[in-house]
């Protein structure tokens, strides 16, 4: 290959790379309470979409949900089309972001989106102000929090859960419990809801307008990553009205 041919080939490759970069759509993922973003590692996206993770940080004790959402949103490139995906508590965050951002789509997984979908346990926790009543020593014990979630909700190996439940700073946990139990859904445009029929936290029987995953529980984003990926891909490829 001559130098001229090599230069021509390099130019064409560079043009293609720039074209793909310019036309790829970023998909921003936000995980559930206490979880790191490795819960999304098993998800596959269709060609033309790029996976991005937005990671939790420790808030101020008095930080509002809007302030927190706006800080996380600083990592989003709003100069190009993007999609938001939120799992569990992350589903609340992406709906909050929908108030001041213009994503192409919002996808929530194992979460809730209306007053009718709020579990009775959450309503009771709000009335009782549970976030303030939990002893501080419980917030400070990572092992205790993991064990409680495992015994009462997930029933998986503690080692497996401890690998994904790594964001357990006591200030964050107390703040998150308060935000989850006090959040008032407002309705978002272009929102799509994926939910398991066996979810232990947000009962499937309370939901409406969802893409159901038969037998999926609250950890289905990991346990049924192939099915979740398939539905996400279908949603991404749908044309908006």
Foldseek 3Di string as FASTA:
>chain_A
DDPVVVVVVVVVVVVVVVVLVQQAAEEEEEEAPLFFPVLQVLFDADRRYHYDYQGDDQDDLPDDLLNRLVVSCVPPDQVHAYEYEYEALGLVSVLSVLVPHDHPAYEYEAYDAAPLQADPVLQVCQVVVVLVVPDLVCLVDPLNVLVCCCVQAPVDDSVVSCVTSRRRHSSSVSSSSNCRSPDHHDDGPRYAYEYECAEPRGHPVSDDRYNYDYPDYSSCVRVVSVVVNVVVNVSVPDDDD
